[in-house]
Amino acid sequence: MFTMDIDIDYTDLEKEVESFNQHHIRIGILDKNKVVKRADHDEPLKSFQGKQASRVMRGSKGKTNLKLTKLAEYLDTRYGVFSKAEYHFANQDVIRVTNELVKLFDAGNQSPEQIRRIESAARALIRNPIMRKDFGSNAHATISGKHFDWPMVDTGAFFNSIKAQYV
């Protein structure tokens, strides 16, 4: 019997990992100027993403000063919709984003199609749990006011404003 020592040189791999770690994806409400619009709960509900949502109030009644970025901060504090998205293990979108990043890592260069797929997968990382209602139900008082049960959705403006950008 004999023993063999094997030394693997990780220098090249470390350089590739360091290069890969310089890629970033921004996900959230990227347009800082968008504001929340008031829902008109007296109007009939509209169809939104195959579910129900409220219509926006018309005219000056629908306007607010609340920025969607502030609403996003509140919802993230309450639900962890952005900051904890990668830890939702039932979230298959984490796997999609990871697979797209691995493909990018293997390719060495970024085509516009790869970047679009990465951004799409990252956006799905946030939006799909909202669509699936992974965050539970609204309170009964909220349901009676909105006339439907879908946390983080009233008019759909917040949901539609979630974007991803590869940097």
N, C-alpha and C. Protein backbone atom coordinates (compact mmCIF):
# COMPACT_ATOMS: atom_id res chain seq x y z
N MET A 1 0.84 -1.18 0.00
CA MET A 1 0.00 0.00 0.00
C MET A 1 0.88 1.24 0.00
N PHE A 2 0.44 2.24 -0.76
CA PHE A 2 1.19 3.48 -0.78
C PHE A 2 0.21 4.66 -0.76
N THR A 3 0.66 5.82 -0.41
CA THR A 3 -0.15 7.04 -0.30
C THR A 3 0.32 8.03 -1.36
N MET A 4 -0.65 8.65 -1.99
CA MET A 4 -0.32 9.64 -3.01
C MET A 4 -0.89 10.99 -2.56
N ASP A 5 -0.07 12.01 -2.55
CA ASP A 5 -0.51 13.37 -2.24
C ASP A 5 -0.84 14.08 -3.55
N ILE A 6 -2.02 14.67 -3.59
CA ILE A 6 -2.43 15.41 -4.78
C ILE A 6 -2.64 16.87 -4.39
N ASP A 7 -1.96 17.74 -5.06
CA ASP A 7 -2.12 19.17 -4.84
C ASP A 7 -2.76 19.77 -6.09
N ILE A 8 -3.84 20.48 -5.86
CA ILE A 8 -4.53 21.13 -6.97
C ILE A 8 -4.27 22.62 -6.88
N ASP A 9 -3.88 23.19 -7.99
CA ASP A 9 -3.63 24.63 -8.05
C ASP A 9 -4.95 25.35 -8.36
N TYR A 10 -5.46 26.09 -7.39
CA TYR A 10 -6.73 26.80 -7.54
C TYR A 10 -6.55 28.24 -8.00
N THR A 11 -5.37 28.63 -8.37
CA THR A 11 -5.09 30.02 -8.72
C THR A 11 -6.02 30.53 -9.82
N ASP A 12 -6.13 29.78 -10.91
CA ASP A 12 -6.99 30.22 -12.01
C ASP A 12 -8.45 30.26 -11.60
N LEU A 13 -8.89 29.28 -10.84
CA LEU A 13 -10.28 29.26 -10.38
C LEU A 13 -10.57 30.45 -9.46
N GLU A 14 -9.64 30.78 -8.59
CA GLU A 14 -9.83 31.92 -7.69
C GLU A 14 -9.96 33.21 -8.49
N LYS A 15 -9.18 33.34 -9.55
CA LYS A 15 -9.28 34.54 -10.40
C LYS A 15 -10.64 34.60 -11.07
N GLU A 16 -11.13 33.47 -11.56
CA GLU A 16 -12.44 33.43 -12.21
C GLU A 16 -13.55 33.75 -11.20
N VAL A 17 -13.45 33.21 -10.01
CA VAL A 17 -14.46 33.48 -8.98
C VAL A 17 -14.43 34.97 -8.61
N GLU A 18 -13.25 35.53 -8.47
CA GLU A 18 -13.11 36.96 -8.15
C GLU A 18 -13.74 37.81 -9.26
N SER A 19 -13.49 37.45 -10.50
CA SER A 19 -14.08 38.16 -11.64
C SER A 19 -15.60 38.02 -11.63
N PHE A 20 -16.09 36.82 -11.36
CA PHE A 20 -17.53 36.54 -11.32
C PHE A 20 -18.21 37.34 -10.21
N ASN A 21 -17.55 37.48 -9.07
CA ASN A 21 -18.13 38.18 -7.93
C ASN A 21 -18.26 39.68 -8.16
N GLN A 22 -17.72 40.18 -9.25
CA GLN A 22 -17.85 41.60 -9.56
C GLN A 22 -19.16 41.91 -10.30
N HIS A 23 -19.92 40.88 -10.67
CA HIS A 23 -21.21 41.07 -11.33
C HIS A 23 -22.27 41.35 -10.28
N HIS A 24 -23.18 42.26 -10.60
CA HIS A 24 -24.25 42.61 -9.66
C HIS A 24 -25.57 42.73 -10.41
N ILE A 25 -26.64 42.42 -9.70
CA ILE A 25 -27.99 42.59 -10.23
C ILE A 25 -28.76 43.45 -9.25
N ARG A 26 -29.28 44.56 -9.72
CA ARG A 26 -30.13 45.42 -8.90
C ARG A 26 -31.57 44.98 -9.11
N ILE A 27 -32.29 44.73 -8.02
CA ILE A 27 -33.68 44.30 -8.11
C ILE A 27 -34.50 45.17 -7.17
N GLY A 28 -35.61 45.65 -7.66
CA GLY A 28 -36.50 46.44 -6.81
C GLY A 28 -37.26 47.46 -7.62
N ILE A 29 -37.64 48.54 -6.96
CA ILE A 29 -38.29 49.66 -7.63
C ILE A 29 -37.16 50.58 -8.07
N LEU A 30 -36.76 50.47 -9.31
CA LEU A 30 -35.59 51.19 -9.80
C LEU A 30 -35.92 52.62 -10.23
N ASP A 31 -37.18 52.90 -10.53
CA ASP A 31 -37.60 54.25 -10.89
C ASP A 31 -37.99 54.98 -9.61
N LYS A 32 -37.13 55.87 -9.17
CA LYS A 32 -37.33 56.57 -7.89
C LYS A 32 -38.46 57.60 -7.93
N ASN A 33 -38.97 57.91 -9.12
CA ASN A 33 -39.99 58.94 -9.24
C ASN A 33 -41.42 58.40 -9.20
N LYS A 34 -41.59 57.10 -9.30
CA LYS A 34 -42.95 56.53 -9.32
C LYS A 34 -43.59 56.68 -7.94
N VAL A 35 -44.88 57.00 -7.96
CA VAL A 35 -45.62 57.17 -6.72
C VAL A 35 -46.76 56.16 -6.65
N VAL A 36 -47.19 55.90 -5.43
CA VAL A 36 -48.33 55.03 -5.18
C VAL A 36 -49.58 55.75 -5.64
N LYS A 37 -50.50 55.02 -6.24
CA LYS A 37 -51.79 55.59 -6.62
C LYS A 37 -52.87 54.95 -5.77
N ARG A 38 -53.81 55.77 -5.36
CA ARG A 38 -54.89 55.27 -4.51
C ARG A 38 -55.82 54.36 -5.30
N ALA A 39 -56.26 53.33 -4.61
CA ALA A 39 -57.20 52.38 -5.21
C ALA A 39 -58.61 52.88 -4.99
N ASP A 40 -59.45 52.67 -5.99
CA ASP A 40 -60.87 53.00 -5.89
C ASP A 40 -61.61 51.71 -5.56
N HIS A 41 -61.90 51.51 -4.29
CA HIS A 41 -62.54 50.28 -3.84
C HIS A 41 -64.04 50.27 -4.11
N ASP A 42 -64.57 51.40 -4.62
CA ASP A 42 -65.99 51.46 -4.96
C ASP A 42 -66.25 51.02 -6.40
N GLU A 43 -65.21 50.99 -7.21
CA GLU A 43 -65.32 50.57 -8.61
C GLU A 43 -65.23 49.05 -8.68
N PRO A 44 -65.75 48.44 -9.74
CA PRO A 44 -65.60 46.98 -9.89
C PRO A 44 -64.12 46.62 -10.03
N LEU A 45 -63.79 45.45 -9.59
CA LEU A 45 -62.41 44.99 -9.65
C LEU A 45 -61.98 44.76 -11.09
N LYS A 46 -60.68 44.91 -11.34
CA LYS A 46 -60.13 44.63 -12.67
C LYS A 46 -59.35 43.32 -12.62
N SER A 47 -59.12 42.76 -13.77
CA SER A 47 -58.30 41.56 -13.86
C SER A 47 -56.84 41.99 -13.93
N PHE A 48 -56.03 41.37 -13.11
CA PHE A 48 -54.60 41.68 -13.07
C PHE A 48 -53.83 40.39 -12.87
N GLN A 49 -53.00 40.03 -13.85
CA GLN A 49 -52.20 38.82 -13.78
C GLN A 49 -53.06 37.59 -13.51
N GLY A 50 -54.27 37.57 -14.07
CA GLY A 50 -55.16 36.43 -13.89
C GLY A 50 -55.86 36.40 -12.55
N LYS A 51 -55.70 37.45 -11.77
CA LYS A 51 -56.36 37.55 -10.47
C LYS A 51 -57.09 38.89 -10.41
N GLN A 52 -57.57 39.25 -9.24
CA GLN A 52 -58.31 40.51 -9.11
C GLN A 52 -57.44 41.58 -8.47
N ALA A 53 -57.67 42.81 -8.91
CA ALA A 53 -57.01 43.97 -8.32
C ALA A 53 -57.96 45.15 -8.41
N SER A 54 -57.67 46.18 -7.61
CA SER A 54 -58.51 47.37 -7.60
C SER A 54 -58.14 48.30 -8.74
N ARG A 55 -59.09 49.10 -9.13
CA ARG A 55 -58.83 50.14 -10.13
C ARG A 55 -58.22 51.36 -9.43
N VAL A 56 -57.47 52.14 -10.17
CA VAL A 56 -56.88 53.37 -9.64
C VAL A 56 -57.93 54.46 -9.66
N MET A 57 -57.96 55.28 -8.59
CA MET A 57 -58.89 56.41 -8.55
C MET A 57 -58.53 57.37 -9.68
N ARG A 58 -59.54 57.96 -10.24
CA ARG A 58 -59.32 58.89 -11.35
C ARG A 58 -59.09 60.30 -10.84
N GLY A 59 -58.36 61.06 -11.63
CA GLY A 59 -58.14 62.47 -11.32
C GLY A 59 -57.23 62.68 -10.12
N SER A 60 -57.40 63.81 -9.49
CA SER A 60 -56.51 64.18 -8.38
C SER A 60 -56.72 63.32 -7.14
N LYS A 61 -57.87 62.64 -7.04
CA LYS A 61 -58.14 61.77 -5.90
C LYS A 61 -57.17 60.60 -5.84
N GLY A 62 -56.69 60.16 -7.00
CA GLY A 62 -55.80 59.00 -7.06
C GLY A 62 -54.35 59.32 -6.78
N LYS A 63 -54.02 60.60 -6.72
CA LYS A 63 -52.62 60.99 -6.54
C LYS A 63 -52.21 60.97 -5.07
N THR A 64 -50.98 60.55 -4.83
CA THR A 64 -50.40 60.58 -3.49
C THR A 64 -48.98 61.10 -3.60
N ASN A 65 -48.38 61.36 -2.47
CA ASN A 65 -46.97 61.76 -2.44
C ASN A 65 -46.07 60.60 -2.03
N LEU A 66 -46.66 59.46 -1.72
CA LEU A 66 -45.89 58.31 -1.27
C LEU A 66 -45.16 57.66 -2.45
N LYS A 67 -43.86 57.62 -2.38
CA LYS A 67 -43.05 57.01 -3.44
C LYS A 67 -43.13 55.49 -3.33
N LEU A 68 -43.12 54.82 -4.48
CA LEU A 68 -43.13 53.36 -4.49
C LEU A 68 -41.88 52.80 -3.81
N THR A 69 -40.78 53.54 -3.84
CA THR A 69 -39.56 53.07 -3.16
C THR A 69 -39.78 52.99 -1.65
N LYS A 70 -40.54 53.94 -1.09
CA LYS A 70 -40.85 53.91 0.35
C LYS A 70 -41.79 52.74 0.66
N LEU A 71 -42.75 52.51 -0.21
CA LEU A 71 -43.64 51.36 -0.03
C LEU A 71 -42.84 50.07 -0.08
N ALA A 72 -41.88 50.00 -1.00
CA ALA A 72 -41.02 48.81 -1.12
C ALA A 72 -40.22 48.59 0.16
N GLU A 73 -39.71 49.67 0.75
CA GLU A 73 -38.97 49.56 2.02
C GLU A 73 -39.87 49.01 3.11
N TYR A 74 -41.09 49.52 3.20
CA TYR A 74 -42.03 49.05 4.21
C TYR A 74 -42.34 47.57 4.01
N LEU A 75 -42.65 47.18 2.77
CA LEU A 75 -43.00 45.78 2.50
C LEU A 75 -41.81 44.85 2.73
N ASP A 76 -40.62 45.35 2.47
CA ASP A 76 -39.44 44.53 2.73
C ASP A 76 -39.23 44.35 4.23
N THR A 77 -39.46 45.41 4.99
CA THR A 77 -39.35 45.30 6.46
C THR A 77 -40.37 44.31 7.00
N ARG A 78 -41.59 44.37 6.47
CA ARG A 78 -42.66 43.51 6.97
C ARG A 78 -42.56 42.07 6.48
N TYR A 79 -42.27 41.87 5.19
CA TYR A 79 -42.30 40.54 4.59
C TYR A 79 -40.93 40.01 4.17
N GLY A 80 -39.93 40.88 4.04
CA GLY A 80 -38.63 40.45 3.53
C GLY A 80 -38.68 40.13 2.04
N VAL A 81 -39.58 40.80 1.32
CA VAL A 81 -39.81 40.49 -0.09
C VAL A 81 -38.55 40.64 -0.94
N PHE A 82 -37.69 41.58 -0.62
CA PHE A 82 -36.45 41.76 -1.36
C PHE A 82 -35.26 41.16 -0.61
N SER A 83 -35.10 41.54 0.63
CA SER A 83 -33.89 41.16 1.38
C SER A 83 -33.81 39.68 1.70
N LYS A 84 -34.94 38.99 1.76
CA LYS A 84 -34.94 37.56 2.11
C LYS A 84 -35.37 36.67 0.95
N ALA A 85 -35.45 37.21 -0.26
CA ALA A 85 -35.95 36.45 -1.41
C ALA A 85 -35.12 35.21 -1.68
N GLU A 86 -33.83 35.31 -1.54
CA GLU A 86 -32.97 34.17 -1.85
C GLU A 86 -33.06 33.06 -0.82
N TYR A 87 -33.66 33.34 0.33
CA TYR A 87 -33.76 32.34 1.39
C TYR A 87 -35.08 31.58 1.38
N HIS A 88 -35.97 31.93 0.47
CA HIS A 88 -37.23 31.19 0.34
C HIS A 88 -36.91 29.90 -0.41
N PHE A 89 -36.66 28.84 0.31
CA PHE A 89 -36.20 27.61 -0.32
C PHE A 89 -37.25 26.97 -1.21
N ALA A 90 -38.51 27.32 -1.02
CA ALA A 90 -39.54 26.82 -1.91
C ALA A 90 -39.54 27.60 -3.23
N ASN A 91 -38.73 28.64 -3.27
CA ASN A 91 -38.68 29.53 -4.42
C ASN A 91 -37.76 28.96 -5.50
N GLN A 92 -38.33 28.31 -6.49
CA GLN A 92 -37.56 27.71 -7.59
C GLN A 92 -36.84 28.77 -8.42
N ASP A 93 -37.23 30.03 -8.26
CA ASP A 93 -36.60 31.11 -9.02
C ASP A 93 -35.16 31.33 -8.57
N VAL A 94 -34.85 30.97 -7.33
CA VAL A 94 -33.46 31.05 -6.86
C VAL A 94 -32.59 30.14 -7.73
N ILE A 95 -33.12 28.98 -8.04
CA ILE A 95 -32.39 28.03 -8.88
C ILE A 95 -32.23 28.59 -10.29
N ARG A 96 -33.30 29.21 -10.83
CA ARG A 96 -33.21 29.80 -12.17
C ARG A 96 -32.13 30.88 -12.23
N VAL A 97 -32.12 31.77 -11.26
CA VAL A 97 -31.12 32.84 -11.24
C VAL A 97 -29.72 32.25 -11.13
N THR A 98 -29.56 31.28 -10.24
CA THR A 98 -28.26 30.64 -10.07
C THR A 98 -27.80 29.97 -11.35
N ASN A 99 -28.69 29.24 -12.02
CA ASN A 99 -28.33 28.58 -13.28
C ASN A 99 -27.92 29.58 -14.35
N GLU A 100 -28.63 30.69 -14.44
CA GLU A 100 -28.27 31.71 -15.43
C GLU A 100 -26.91 32.32 -15.11
N LEU A 101 -26.64 32.52 -13.83
CA LEU A 101 -25.34 33.07 -13.45
C LEU A 101 -24.21 32.07 -13.73
N VAL A 102 -24.47 30.80 -13.50
CA VAL A 102 -23.46 29.78 -13.80
C VAL A 102 -23.17 29.75 -15.30
N LYS A 103 -24.23 29.86 -16.12
CA LYS A 103 -24.02 29.91 -17.58
C LYS A 103 -23.17 31.12 -17.95
N LEU A 104 -23.46 32.25 -17.32
CA LEU A 104 -22.68 33.46 -17.56
C LEU A 104 -21.23 33.25 -17.16
N PHE A 105 -21.05 32.59 -16.03
CA PHE A 105 -19.72 32.29 -15.51
C PHE A 105 -18.95 31.41 -16.49
N ASP A 106 -19.62 30.39 -17.01
CA ASP A 106 -18.98 29.47 -17.96
C ASP A 106 -18.68 30.14 -19.28
N ALA A 107 -19.56 31.03 -19.74
CA ALA A 107 -19.39 31.65 -21.05
C ALA A 107 -18.24 32.64 -21.07
N GLY A 108 -18.02 33.34 -19.96
CA GLY A 108 -16.93 34.30 -19.91
C GLY A 108 -17.28 35.66 -20.47
N ASN A 109 -18.26 35.75 -21.35
CA ASN A 109 -18.71 37.05 -21.83
C ASN A 109 -20.23 37.10 -21.77
N GLN A 110 -20.78 38.29 -21.79
CA GLN A 110 -22.21 38.44 -21.60
C GLN A 110 -22.87 38.90 -22.90
N SER A 111 -23.72 38.07 -23.45
CA SER A 111 -24.50 38.47 -24.62
C SER A 111 -25.74 39.20 -24.11
N PRO A 112 -26.33 40.04 -24.95
CA PRO A 112 -27.57 40.73 -24.53
C PRO A 112 -28.68 39.74 -24.14
N GLU A 113 -28.74 38.60 -24.82
CA GLU A 113 -29.74 37.58 -24.51
C GLU A 113 -29.51 37.00 -23.11
N GLN A 114 -28.25 36.72 -22.76
CA GLN A 114 -27.93 36.20 -21.42
C GLN A 114 -28.29 37.22 -20.35
N ILE A 115 -27.96 38.47 -20.60
CA ILE A 115 -28.27 39.52 -19.63
C ILE A 115 -29.78 39.65 -19.45
N ARG A 116 -30.54 39.60 -20.55
CA ARG A 116 -31.99 39.68 -20.46
C ARG A 116 -32.55 38.52 -19.65
N ARG A 117 -32.01 37.31 -19.86
CA ARG A 117 -32.49 36.14 -19.11
C ARG A 117 -32.15 36.26 -17.62
N ILE A 118 -30.98 36.78 -17.31
CA ILE A 118 -30.59 36.98 -15.91
C ILE A 118 -31.53 37.99 -15.25
N GLU A 119 -31.80 39.10 -15.92
CA GLU A 119 -32.69 40.11 -15.37
C GLU A 119 -34.10 39.56 -15.19
N SER A 120 -34.56 38.79 -16.16
CA SER A 120 -35.89 38.18 -16.07
C SER A 120 -35.97 37.20 -14.91
N ALA A 121 -34.96 36.38 -14.76
CA ALA A 121 -34.94 35.41 -13.65
C ALA A 121 -34.87 36.12 -12.31
N ALA A 122 -34.10 37.19 -12.23
CA ALA A 122 -33.98 37.95 -10.98
C ALA A 122 -35.32 38.62 -10.63
N ARG A 123 -36.01 39.17 -11.63
CA ARG A 123 -37.32 39.78 -11.41
C ARG A 123 -38.31 38.72 -10.92
N ALA A 124 -38.24 37.54 -11.49
CA ALA A 124 -39.12 36.44 -11.07
C ALA A 124 -38.84 36.03 -9.63
N LEU A 125 -37.60 36.18 -9.20
CA LEU A 125 -37.21 35.86 -7.83
C LEU A 125 -38.06 36.65 -6.84
N ILE A 126 -38.42 37.87 -7.19
CA ILE A 126 -39.22 38.72 -6.31
C ILE A 126 -40.72 38.59 -6.63
N ARG A 127 -41.05 38.63 -7.90
CA ARG A 127 -42.47 38.69 -8.29
C ARG A 127 -43.22 37.37 -8.12
N ASN A 128 -42.58 36.24 -8.39
CA ASN A 128 -43.30 34.97 -8.33
C ASN A 128 -43.84 34.63 -6.93
N PRO A 129 -43.07 34.86 -5.86
CA PRO A 129 -43.66 34.60 -4.54
C PRO A 129 -44.88 35.48 -4.25
N ILE A 130 -44.89 36.71 -4.79
CA ILE A 130 -46.05 37.58 -4.62
C ILE A 130 -47.22 36.99 -5.40
N MET A 131 -46.96 36.55 -6.64
CA MET A 131 -48.01 35.95 -7.47
C MET A 131 -48.60 34.70 -6.82
N ARG A 132 -47.73 33.88 -6.24
CA ARG A 132 -48.18 32.63 -5.62
C ARG A 132 -48.81 32.85 -4.25
N LYS A 133 -48.77 34.06 -3.78
CA LYS A 133 -49.28 34.42 -2.45
C LYS A 133 -48.53 33.68 -1.34
N ASP A 134 -47.21 33.56 -1.52
CA ASP A 134 -46.38 32.88 -0.54
C ASP A 134 -46.32 33.61 0.80
N PHE A 135 -46.73 34.87 0.84
CA PHE A 135 -46.60 35.66 2.05
C PHE A 135 -47.85 35.60 2.92
N GLY A 136 -48.75 34.70 2.60
CA GLY A 136 -49.93 34.50 3.44
C GLY A 136 -51.13 35.30 2.97
N SER A 137 -52.00 35.59 3.88
CA SER A 137 -53.25 36.29 3.57
C SER A 137 -53.24 37.68 4.19
N ASN A 138 -54.09 38.54 3.65
CA ASN A 138 -54.32 39.84 4.26
C ASN A 138 -55.17 39.66 5.51
N ALA A 139 -55.14 40.66 6.37
CA ALA A 139 -56.02 40.67 7.54
C ALA A 139 -57.47 40.79 7.05
N HIS A 140 -58.41 40.32 7.85
CA HIS A 140 -59.82 40.37 7.46
C HIS A 140 -60.28 41.80 7.16
N ALA A 141 -59.80 42.77 7.92
CA ALA A 141 -60.17 44.17 7.68
C ALA A 141 -59.64 44.63 6.32
N THR A 142 -58.45 44.21 5.97
CA THR A 142 -57.88 44.58 4.67
C THR A 142 -58.66 43.93 3.54
N ILE A 143 -59.02 42.67 3.71
CA ILE A 143 -59.79 41.97 2.68
C ILE A 143 -61.13 42.66 2.45
N SER A 144 -61.81 43.04 3.53
CA SER A 144 -63.11 43.69 3.36
C SER A 144 -62.97 45.06 2.71
N GLY A 145 -61.85 45.73 2.91
CA GLY A 145 -61.62 47.02 2.24
C GLY A 145 -61.25 46.86 0.79
N LYS A 146 -60.37 45.89 0.49
CA LYS A 146 -59.91 45.67 -0.89
C LYS A 146 -60.90 44.85 -1.70
N HIS A 147 -61.68 44.02 -1.05
CA HIS A 147 -62.63 43.09 -1.67
C HIS A 147 -61.92 41.90 -2.32
N PHE A 148 -60.67 41.66 -1.97
CA PHE A 148 -59.95 40.47 -2.43
C PHE A 148 -58.76 40.28 -1.49
N ASP A 149 -58.18 39.10 -1.53
CA ASP A 149 -57.09 38.74 -0.63
C ASP A 149 -55.81 38.47 -1.44
N TRP A 150 -54.95 39.49 -1.51
CA TRP A 150 -53.69 39.33 -2.21
C TRP A 150 -52.68 40.30 -1.60
N PRO A 151 -51.87 39.82 -0.64
CA PRO A 151 -50.89 40.71 -0.01
C PRO A 151 -49.96 41.35 -1.03
N MET A 152 -49.64 42.59 -0.82
CA MET A 152 -48.73 43.41 -1.61
C MET A 152 -49.30 43.84 -2.95
N VAL A 153 -50.57 43.56 -3.20
CA VAL A 153 -51.20 44.01 -4.44
C VAL A 153 -52.50 44.73 -4.09
N ASP A 154 -52.64 45.92 -4.63
CA ASP A 154 -53.92 46.61 -4.56
C ASP A 154 -54.30 47.00 -5.99
N THR A 155 -53.53 47.92 -6.60
CA THR A 155 -53.80 48.31 -7.98
C THR A 155 -52.88 47.60 -8.97
N GLY A 156 -51.78 47.03 -8.50
CA GLY A 156 -50.82 46.37 -9.36
C GLY A 156 -49.62 47.24 -9.70
N ALA A 157 -49.65 48.51 -9.30
CA ALA A 157 -48.56 49.44 -9.63
C ALA A 157 -47.24 48.99 -9.00
N PHE A 158 -47.26 48.58 -7.75
CA PHE A 158 -46.04 48.12 -7.08
C PHE A 158 -45.48 46.89 -7.79
N PHE A 159 -46.33 45.92 -8.02
CA PHE A 159 -45.92 44.67 -8.66
C PHE A 159 -45.30 44.93 -10.03
N ASN A 160 -45.95 45.76 -10.85
CA ASN A 160 -45.46 46.06 -12.20
C ASN A 160 -44.19 46.90 -12.19
N SER A 161 -43.92 47.57 -11.09
CA SER A 161 -42.74 48.43 -11.02
C SER A 161 -41.49 47.70 -10.55
N ILE A 162 -41.61 46.44 -10.18
CA ILE A 162 -40.44 45.65 -9.77
C ILE A 162 -39.63 45.32 -11.01
N LYS A 163 -38.40 45.81 -11.04
CA LYS A 163 -37.51 45.62 -12.20
C LYS A 163 -36.17 45.06 -11.72
N ALA A 164 -35.42 44.54 -12.66
CA ALA A 164 -34.07 44.04 -12.38
C ALA A 164 -33.13 44.61 -13.42
N GLN A 165 -31.92 44.92 -12.99
CA GLN A 165 -30.92 45.48 -13.90
C GLN A 165 -29.57 44.84 -13.61
N TYR A 166 -29.00 44.24 -14.65
CA TYR A 166 -27.66 43.65 -14.54
C TYR A 166 -26.65 44.78 -14.61
N VAL A 167 -25.76 44.83 -13.63
CA VAL A 167 -24.74 45.89 -13.58
C VAL A 167 -23.38 45.27 -13.80
